[in-house]
C-alpha atoms as a PDB file:
ATOM      1  CA  UNK A   1     -39.519   2.262  29.984  1.00  0.00           C
ATOM      2  CA  UNK A   2     -36.459   3.127  31.349  1.00  0.00           C
ATOM      3  CA  UNK A   3     -33.978   3.929  29.300  1.00  0.00           C
ATOM      4  CA  UNK A   4     -30.391   1.138  29.337  1.00  0.00           C
ATOM      5  CA  UNK A   5     -27.668   2.433  31.463  1.00  0.00           C
ATOM      6  CA  UNK A   6     -25.037   1.194  29.254  1.00  0.00           C
ATOM      7  CA  UNK A   7     -26.690   3.840  26.820  1.00  0.00           C
ATOM      8  CA  UNK A   8     -24.939   6.317  28.057  1.00  0.00           C
ATOM      9  CA  UNK A   9     -21.926   4.812  29.276  1.00  0.00           C
ATOM     10  CA  UNK A  10     -18.830   6.582  28.382  1.00  0.00           C
ATOM     11  CA  UNK A  11     -17.686   3.305  25.678  1.00  0.00           C
ATOM     12  CA  UNK A  12     -13.951   4.755  26.862  1.00  0.00           C
ATOM     13  CA  UNK A  13     -14.472   3.131  29.967  1.00  0.00           C
ATOM     14  CA  UNK A  14     -15.973  -0.314  28.658  1.00  0.00           C
ATOM     15  CA  UNK A  15     -12.674  -0.617  25.630  1.00  0.00           C
ATOM     16  CA  UNK A  16     -10.249  -2.038  28.560  1.00  0.00           C
ATOM     17  CA  UNK A  17     -13.070  -4.014  29.789  1.00  0.00           C
ATOM     18  CA  UNK A  18     -13.110  -5.826  26.154  1.00  0.00           C
ATOM     19  CA  UNK A  19      -8.837  -5.494  25.557  1.00  0.00           C
ATOM     20  CA  UNK A  20      -8.592  -7.535  29.306  1.00  0.00           C
ATOM     21  CA  UNK A  21     -10.715 -10.494  28.211  1.00  0.00           C
ATOM     22  CA  UNK A  22      -9.515 -10.472  25.014  1.00  0.00           C
ATOM     23  CA  UNK A  23      -6.038 -10.968  26.622  1.00  0.00           C
ATOM     24  CA  UNK A  24      -6.612 -13.045  29.494  1.00  0.00           C
ATOM     25  CA  UNK A  25      -7.332 -15.260  26.317  1.00  0.00           C
ATOM     26  CA  UNK A  26      -3.897 -14.652  24.301  1.00  0.00           C
ATOM     27  CA  UNK A  27      -5.884 -12.607  21.891  1.00  0.00           C
ATOM     28  CA  UNK A  28      -4.312  -8.675  21.339  1.00  0.00           C
ATOM     29  CA  UNK A  29      -5.682  -5.386  21.327  1.00  0.00           C
ATOM     30  CA  UNK A  30      -5.507  -5.007  17.950  1.00  0.00           C
ATOM     31  CA  UNK A  31      -7.450  -7.822  17.040  1.00  0.00           C
ATOM     32  CA  UNK A  32     -10.024  -5.853  19.702  1.00  0.00           C
ATOM     33  CA  UNK A  33      -9.747  -2.876  17.556  1.00  0.00           C
ATOM     34  CA  UNK A  34      -9.715  -5.099  14.114  1.00  0.00           C
ATOM     35  CA  UNK A  35     -13.259  -6.418  14.985  1.00  0.00           C
ATOM     36  CA  UNK A  36     -14.686  -3.364  15.955  1.00  0.00           C
ATOM     37  CA  UNK A  37     -13.764  -1.343  12.368  1.00  0.00           C
ATOM     38  CA  UNK A  38     -14.922  -4.381  10.790  1.00  0.00           C
ATOM     39  CA  UNK A  39     -18.513  -3.648  12.876  1.00  0.00           C
ATOM     40  CA  UNK A  40     -18.454   0.755  12.653  1.00  0.00           C
ATOM     41  CA  UNK A  41     -16.484   1.530   9.506  1.00  0.00           C
ATOM     42  CA  UNK A  42     -14.635   3.555  12.432  1.00  0.00           C
ATOM     43  CA  UNK A  43     -10.766   3.700  11.461  1.00  0.00           C
ATOM     44  CA  UNK A  44      -7.645   3.121  13.729  1.00  0.00           C
ATOM     45  CA  UNK A  45      -8.078   7.788  14.050  1.00  0.00           C
ATOM     46  CA  UNK A  46     -11.947   7.490  14.789  1.00  0.00           C
ATOM     47  CA  UNK A  47     -10.908   5.187  17.184  1.00  0.00           C
ATOM     48  CA  UNK A  48      -9.198   7.389  19.353  1.00  0.00           C
ATOM     49  CA  UNK A  49     -10.717  10.006  18.826  1.00  0.00           C
ATOM     50  CA  UNK A  50     -14.580   8.403  19.722  1.00  0.00           C
ATOM     51  CA  UNK A  51     -12.415   7.104  23.183  1.00  0.00           C
ATOM     52  CA  UNK A  52     -10.782   9.827  23.545  1.00  0.00           C
ATOM     53  CA  UNK A  53     -13.973  12.392  23.986  1.00  0.00           C
ATOM     54  CA  UNK A  54     -15.115   9.516  26.222  1.00  0.00           C
ATOM     55  CA  UNK A  55     -18.703   9.309  23.685  1.00  0.00           C
ATOM     56  CA  UNK A  56     -21.067   7.186  25.085  1.00  0.00           C
ATOM     57  CA  UNK A  57     -22.380   3.879  23.772  1.00  0.00           C
ATOM     58  CA  UNK A  58     -25.009   6.124  22.311  1.00  0.00           C
ATOM     59  CA  UNK A  59     -23.331   8.526  20.482  1.00  0.00           C
ATOM     60  CA  UNK A  60     -19.890   5.624  18.936  1.00  0.00           C
ATOM     61  CA  UNK A  61     -22.348   3.950  17.737  1.00  0.00           C
ATOM     62  CA  UNK A  62     -24.345   7.300  16.025  1.00  0.00           C
ATOM     63  CA  UNK A  63     -21.280   8.276  15.032  1.00  0.00           C
ATOM     64  CA  UNK A  64     -20.371   4.929  13.728  1.00  0.00           C
ATOM     65  CA  UNK A  65     -18.974   5.924  10.251  1.00  0.00           C
ATOM     66  CA  UNK A  66     -21.036   2.522   7.852  1.00  0.00           C
ATOM     67  CA  UNK A  67     -22.459  -0.285  10.161  1.00  0.00           C
ATOM     68  CA  UNK A  68     -21.169  -3.391   8.347  1.00  0.00           C
ATOM     69  CA  UNK A  69     -23.855  -5.384   6.244  1.00  0.00           C
ATOM     70  CA  UNK A  70     -21.771  -8.322   7.201  1.00  0.00           C
ATOM     71  CA  UNK A  71     -24.086  -7.629  10.831  1.00  0.00           C
ATOM     72  CA  UNK A  72     -26.938  -9.955   9.685  1.00  0.00           C
ATOM     73  CA  UNK A  73     -24.487 -13.002  10.265  1.00  0.00           C
ATOM     74  CA  UNK A  74     -24.182 -12.344  13.857  1.00  0.00           C
ATOM     75  CA  UNK A  75     -25.974 -14.800  15.688  1.00  0.00           C
ATOM     76  CA  UNK A  76     -26.047 -16.920  19.160  1.00  0.00           C
ATOM     77  CA  UNK A  77     -27.007 -15.848  23.054  1.00  0.00           C
ATOM     78  CA  UNK A  78     -25.218 -13.197  25.020  1.00  0.00           C
ATOM     79  CA  UNK A  79     -25.606 -12.224  28.856  1.00  0.00           C
ATOM     80  CA  UNK A  80     -29.117 -15.270  28.202  1.00  0.00           C
ATOM     81  CA  UNK A  81     -30.118 -13.368  25.174  1.00  0.00           C
ATOM     82  CA  UNK A  82     -30.565 -14.346  21.226  1.00  0.00           C
ATOM     83  CA  UNK A  83     -28.161 -11.216  19.353  1.00  0.00           C
ATOM     84  CA  UNK A  84     -30.643 -11.344  16.283  1.00  0.00           C
ATOM     85  CA  UNK A  85     -34.261 -11.344  18.540  1.00  0.00           C
ATOM     86  CA  UNK A  86     -32.952  -8.047  20.195  1.00  0.00           C
ATOM     87  CA  UNK A  87     -35.533  -5.384  19.559  1.00  0.00           C
ATOM     88  CA  UNK A  88     -34.224  -2.328  20.191  1.00  0.00           C
ATOM     89  CA  UNK A  89     -31.237  -1.773  17.282  1.00  0.00           C
ATOM     90  CA  UNK A  90     -28.708   0.071  19.812  1.00  0.00           C
ATOM     91  CA  UNK A  91     -29.132  -2.552  22.206  1.00  0.00           C
ATOM     92  CA  UNK A  92     -28.918  -5.225  19.387  1.00  0.00           C
ATOM     93  CA  UNK A  93     -25.325  -3.181  17.937  1.00  0.00           C
ATOM     94  CA  UNK A  94     -23.728  -3.433  21.940  1.00  0.00           C
ATOM     95  CA  UNK A  95     -24.952  -7.022  21.547  1.00  0.00           C
ATOM     96  CA  UNK A  96     -22.978  -7.414  18.128  1.00  0.00           C
ATOM     97  CA  UNK A  97     -20.114  -6.087  19.428  1.00  0.00           C
ATOM     98  CA  UNK A  98     -20.418  -7.991  22.618  1.00  0.00           C
ATOM     99  CA  UNK A  99     -20.769 -11.485  20.986  1.00  0.00           C
ATOM    100  CA  UNK A 100     -17.714 -10.675  18.846  1.00  0.00           C
ATOM    101  CA  UNK A 101     -15.299  -9.878  21.529  1.00  0.00           C
ATOM    102  CA  UNK A 102     -16.749 -13.152  23.500  1.00  0.00           C
ATOM    103  CA  UNK A 103     -16.520 -14.735  19.693  1.00  0.00           C
ATOM    104  CA  UNK A 104     -12.660 -13.479  20.019  1.00  0.00           C
ATOM    105  CA  UNK A 105     -12.477 -14.100  23.985  1.00  0.00           C
ATOM    106  CA  UNK A 106     -13.258 -18.318  23.188  1.00  0.00           C
ATOM    107  CA  UNK A 107     -10.514 -18.797  20.689  1.00  0.00           C
ATOM    108  CA  UNK A 108     -12.443 -18.790  16.905  1.00  0.00           C
ATOM    109  CA  UNK A 109      -9.811 -17.556  14.663  1.00  0.00           C
ATOM    110  CA  UNK A 110     -10.191 -13.882  12.951  1.00  0.00           C
ATOM    111  CA  UNK A 111     -11.949 -15.109   9.916  1.00  0.00           C
ATOM    112  CA  UNK A 112     -14.579 -16.629  11.315  1.00  0.00           C
ATOM    113  CA  UNK A 113     -15.621 -13.645  13.701  1.00  0.00           C
ATOM    114  CA  UNK A 114     -15.447 -11.258  10.503  1.00  0.00           C
ATOM    115  CA  UNK A 115     -17.646 -13.240   8.497  1.00  0.00           C
ATOM    116  CA  UNK A 116     -15.425 -14.172   5.720  1.00  0.00           C
END
């Protein structure tokens, strides 16, 4: 089975799209970053390093300091696919991030997005 193109896509190319999506809905880049920090364990410096290196999604998630154990609470549909049923671990992580950014753009409170 061929590999998904998103796996080798530079995270730095998609990150601005996440920010644009949030900003179109009156949310902020800082909120996007907070979601990424919560999900992956990156801090500001680590995230900026990933962007500067133009690492692909595979590397971005492989080098993540610690995936949040709260990811098990992320449920719902993104692009017609239930995130909790995605079998490929890397694709599931990407879908988790997509789902959280979607929730931000839909106006959900950060406490709910971060499953607190």
